[in-house]
Amino acid sequence: MREIILFITLFFMSLSGVFPADTNPDGSIKILPFSKNQEQEIRELSEKINDLHKRFLEKLPYLKKKKLSTDSEYYDEYNVSRTFELGSFDKYFLVELIDVKFSGTALGSVSFRNEKTRMGNRKLNTKTVQELINKNPASGTVEDLELKITVTDEGAPVETVYSLKTVRDPAMRVRLVRSYFYYLFEAIQRIDRKMMTEINEGEVRINNIFRELK
């Protein structure tokens, strides 16, 4: 999720130096338009993302057969680990996962989450969840893409949402779409590796059996 952290940093940097020309008559901040090159990249990324969505649905029968998915959801914790930060005694429990909801035979939503929980006896445990979610992948567009940050400590969760429709800087909007593409591509690669492992193991078993034939 380093791409996400970088996105947030650059987003706040992009808000510095706001002038009257950067606001709408109602006082809201203007959303800067894409350049031609950025529009082209968004179109290309959208096409690639749509293709990946189709590839994912093609793998759904396999996932269901292996009980890796139900009719309504695919959920995979692909990275669970413990870590620490340099210069600190704090320890963290990390979980990276993909959560896909289905709407009939279509994708209902696709979410990539990074959950980071600070563990310790002397400090209050804090959980930070970064979620990159496409709320409507079946639309064929990336307009419903958003980044949601939720921080939970002793009080109520504090949630901040950065939507593709509201982020001012067009470069940051491109980065958001690009990050979603990479996470989706990596998720399909993990499924492909599972399938290839099963195929290779099956071929080894068959070769061993046939070797015993006269």
Protein backbone atom coordinates (compact mmCIF):
# COMPACT_ATOMS: atom_id res chain seq x y z
CA MET A 1 0.00 0.00 0.00
CA ARG A 2 3.00 2.35 -0.37
CA GLU A 3 1.32 3.77 -3.48
CA ILE A 4 -1.66 4.72 -1.32
CA ILE A 5 0.49 6.45 1.30
CA LEU A 6 2.26 8.41 -1.43
CA PHE A 7 -1.11 9.33 -2.91
CA ILE A 8 -2.30 10.84 0.39
CA THR A 9 0.94 12.82 0.84
CA LEU A 10 0.82 14.28 -2.65
CA PHE A 11 -2.90 14.99 -2.30
CA PHE A 12 -2.35 17.31 0.65
CA MET A 13 0.62 18.92 -1.08
CA SER A 14 -1.63 19.67 -4.05
CA LEU A 15 -3.96 21.74 -1.82
CA SER A 16 -1.27 24.28 -0.96
CA GLY A 17 -1.49 27.71 -2.58
CA VAL A 18 -5.23 27.88 -3.33
CA PHE A 19 -6.32 31.12 -5.02
CA PRO A 20 -9.79 32.64 -5.66
CA ALA A 21 -9.69 31.36 -9.23
CA ASP A 22 -9.47 27.83 -7.79
CA THR A 23 -12.91 28.04 -6.18
CA ASN A 24 -16.44 27.76 -7.52
CA PRO A 25 -19.11 30.45 -6.93
CA ASP A 26 -20.51 28.37 -4.07
CA GLY A 27 -17.10 28.37 -2.35
CA SER A 28 -16.19 24.76 -3.14
CA ILE A 29 -12.77 23.89 -4.56
CA LYS A 30 -12.66 23.44 -8.33
CA ILE A 31 -11.78 20.01 -9.65
CA LEU A 32 -8.96 20.53 -12.13
CA PRO A 33 -9.51 18.90 -15.53
CA PHE A 34 -7.36 16.18 -17.01
CA SER A 35 -4.79 17.02 -19.65
CA LYS A 36 -5.10 15.21 -22.99
CA ASN A 37 -2.37 12.77 -21.99
CA GLN A 38 -4.07 12.09 -18.67
CA GLU A 39 -7.41 11.52 -20.40
CA GLN A 40 -5.72 9.05 -22.71
CA GLU A 41 -4.12 7.20 -19.79
CA ILE A 42 -7.45 7.04 -17.94
CA ARG A 43 -9.12 5.57 -21.05
CA GLU A 44 -6.38 2.98 -21.47
CA LEU A 45 -6.43 2.04 -17.79
CA SER A 46 -10.22 1.77 -17.84
CA GLU A 47 -10.08 -0.64 -20.79
CA LYS A 48 -7.44 -2.76 -19.05
CA ILE A 49 -9.44 -2.76 -15.82
CA ASN A 50 -12.58 -3.89 -17.65
CA ASP A 51 -10.60 -6.75 -19.21
CA LEU A 52 -9.30 -7.75 -15.78
CA HIS A 53 -12.83 -7.70 -14.37
CA LYS A 54 -13.87 -10.10 -17.16
CA ARG A 55 -10.88 -12.35 -16.47
CA PHE A 56 -11.80 -12.48 -12.81
CA LEU A 57 -15.37 -13.55 -13.59
CA GLU A 58 -14.01 -16.26 -15.92
CA LYS A 59 -12.12 -17.72 -12.97
CA LEU A 60 -15.15 -17.71 -10.70
CA PRO A 61 -16.25 -21.33 -11.52
CA TYR A 62 -12.78 -22.55 -10.51
CA LEU A 63 -12.84 -20.51 -7.28
CA LYS A 64 -16.26 -21.89 -6.38
CA LYS A 65 -15.23 -25.47 -7.16
CA LYS A 66 -12.23 -25.13 -4.84
CA LYS A 67 -14.44 -23.47 -2.20
CA LEU A 68 -12.35 -20.32 -2.43
CA SER A 69 -15.46 -18.31 -3.22
CA THR A 70 -19.20 -18.40 -2.59
CA ASP A 71 -21.99 -17.21 -4.86
CA SER A 72 -21.93 -13.84 -3.12
CA GLU A 73 -18.31 -13.15 -2.12
CA TYR A 74 -14.63 -13.84 -2.77
CA TYR A 75 -12.38 -13.04 0.19
CA ASP A 76 -8.64 -13.65 0.36
CA GLU A 77 -6.12 -12.54 2.98
CA TYR A 78 -3.01 -12.76 0.84
CA ASN A 79 -0.55 -11.20 3.27
CA VAL A 80 -0.62 -11.55 7.05
CA SER A 81 2.49 -10.51 8.96
CA ARG A 82 3.98 -8.75 11.95
CA THR A 83 6.38 -5.84 11.61
CA PHE A 84 7.89 -2.85 13.43
CA GLU A 85 8.97 0.65 12.53
CA LEU A 86 12.59 1.78 12.70
CA GLY A 87 13.31 3.98 15.71
CA SER A 88 10.25 2.73 17.56
CA PHE A 89 9.43 -0.12 19.92
CA ASP A 90 5.93 -0.35 18.51
CA LYS A 91 4.93 -3.61 16.85
CA TYR A 92 2.28 -3.89 14.17
CA PHE A 93 0.03 -6.64 12.87
CA LEU A 94 -0.58 -6.29 9.13
CA VAL A 95 -3.29 -7.83 6.96
CA GLU A 96 -3.66 -7.26 3.23
CA LEU A 97 -6.76 -8.64 1.58
CA ILE A 98 -9.11 -8.53 -1.38
CA ASP A 99 -12.88 -8.61 -0.87
CA VAL A 100 -15.13 -9.00 -3.92
CA LYS A 101 -18.90 -8.91 -3.68
CA PHE A 102 -21.06 -10.36 -6.47
CA SER A 103 -24.40 -9.17 -7.78
CA GLY A 104 -25.80 -12.19 -9.58
CA THR A 105 -23.27 -13.03 -12.30
CA ALA A 106 -21.70 -9.55 -12.21
CA LEU A 107 -19.21 -7.86 -9.91
CA GLY A 108 -20.95 -5.87 -7.20
CA SER A 109 -17.85 -4.27 -5.66
CA VAL A 110 -14.09 -4.85 -5.53
CA SER A 111 -12.14 -3.81 -2.45
CA PHE A 112 -8.46 -3.97 -1.53
CA ARG A 113 -7.76 -3.39 2.15
CA ASN A 114 -4.64 -2.90 4.21
CA GLU A 115 -5.26 -3.26 7.95
CA LYS A 116 -2.48 -2.12 10.29
CA THR A 117 -2.92 -2.59 14.04
CA ARG A 118 -0.44 -1.29 16.60
CA MET A 119 0.09 -3.88 19.32
CA GLY A 120 1.55 -3.12 22.74
CA ASN A 121 0.92 -3.21 26.45
CA ARG A 122 2.03 0.33 27.22
CA LYS A 123 0.26 2.12 24.39
CA LEU A 124 -3.30 2.21 23.22
CA ASN A 125 -3.84 -0.13 20.32
CA THR A 126 -4.64 1.77 17.14
CA LYS A 127 -6.02 0.26 13.95
CA THR A 128 -5.68 1.96 10.58
CA VAL A 129 -7.57 0.58 7.58
CA GLN A 130 -6.78 1.78 4.07
CA GLU A 131 -9.40 0.63 1.57
CA LEU A 132 -9.24 1.14 -2.19
CA ILE A 133 -12.70 0.26 -3.45
CA ASN A 134 -14.56 0.23 -6.73
CA LYS A 135 -18.21 0.44 -5.73
CA ASN A 136 -19.60 -0.27 -9.19
CA PRO A 137 -17.18 -2.25 -11.38
CA ALA A 138 -20.05 -3.51 -13.55
CA SER A 139 -20.56 0.03 -14.88
CA GLY A 140 -17.53 -0.31 -17.14
CA THR A 141 -16.06 2.94 -15.78
CA VAL A 142 -13.82 3.89 -12.85
CA GLU A 143 -15.98 6.82 -11.73
CA ASP A 144 -16.99 5.11 -8.47
CA LEU A 145 -13.43 4.49 -7.34
CA GLU A 146 -12.47 5.85 -3.92
CA LEU A 147 -9.86 5.60 -1.20
CA LYS A 148 -11.19 5.32 2.36
CA ILE A 149 -8.99 5.72 5.44
CA THR A 150 -10.40 4.64 8.83
CA VAL A 151 -8.50 5.14 12.09
CA THR A 152 -9.80 3.52 15.28
CA ASP A 153 -8.40 4.02 18.78
CA GLU A 154 -10.18 4.58 22.11
CA GLY A 155 -12.87 6.75 20.50
CA ALA A 156 -15.20 6.31 17.57
CA PRO A 157 -13.63 5.46 14.20
CA VAL A 158 -12.50 8.48 12.18
CA GLU A 159 -13.14 8.00 8.48
CA THR A 160 -11.81 10.06 5.58
CA VAL A 161 -12.82 9.41 1.96
CA TYR A 162 -10.98 10.51 -1.17
CA SER A 163 -13.25 10.02 -4.17
CA LEU A 164 -12.23 10.01 -7.81
CA LYS A 165 -15.02 12.53 -8.27
CA THR A 166 -13.73 14.96 -5.64
CA VAL A 167 -9.92 14.81 -5.62
CA ARG A 168 -8.78 18.13 -7.07
CA ASP A 169 -5.43 17.21 -8.60
CA PRO A 170 -5.84 15.25 -11.87
CA ALA A 171 -2.43 13.59 -11.39
CA MET A 172 -3.68 12.14 -8.10
CA ARG A 173 -6.85 10.87 -9.77
CA VAL A 174 -4.72 9.10 -12.37
CA ARG A 175 -2.59 7.61 -9.59
CA LEU A 176 -5.71 6.31 -7.85
CA VAL A 177 -6.87 4.52 -11.01
CA ARG A 178 -3.39 3.20 -11.73
CA SER A 179 -3.09 1.77 -8.20
CA TYR A 180 -6.43 -0.02 -8.55
CA PHE A 181 -5.27 -1.54 -11.84
CA TYR A 182 -2.06 -2.88 -10.28
CA TYR A 183 -3.84 -4.36 -7.25
CA LEU A 184 -6.40 -6.03 -9.51
CA PHE A 185 -3.70 -7.37 -11.83
CA GLU A 186 -1.76 -8.83 -8.89
CA ALA A 187 -4.93 -10.45 -7.50
CA ILE A 188 -5.57 -12.27 -10.78
CA GLN A 189 -1.92 -13.33 -10.94
CA ARG A 190 -2.27 -14.95 -7.51
CA ILE A 191 -5.29 -16.93 -8.74
CA ASP A 192 -3.39 -17.93 -11.89
CA ARG A 193 -0.51 -19.21 -9.78
CA LYS A 194 -2.90 -21.35 -7.72
CA MET A 195 -4.35 -22.82 -10.90
CA MET A 196 -0.91 -23.51 -12.43
CA THR A 197 0.27 -25.15 -9.21
CA GLU A 198 -2.70 -27.52 -9.31
CA ILE A 199 -2.14 -28.27 -13.00
CA ASN A 200 1.57 -28.98 -12.48
CA GLU A 201 0.93 -31.21 -9.47
CA GLY A 202 -1.67 -33.15 -11.45
CA GLU A 203 0.74 -33.68 -14.33
CA VAL A 204 3.41 -34.93 -11.95
CA ARG A 205 0.98 -37.45 -10.44
CA ILE A 206 -0.10 -38.69 -13.88
CA ASN A 207 3.51 -38.98 -15.07
CA ASN A 208 4.39 -41.04 -12.00
CA ILE A 209 1.42 -43.36 -12.57
CA PHE A 210 2.13 -43.81 -16.27
CA ARG A 211 5.79 -44.50 -15.56
CA GLU A 212 4.73 -47.71 -13.85
CA LEU A 213 2.91 -48.98 -16.96
CA LYS A 214 4.56 -51.59 -19.16
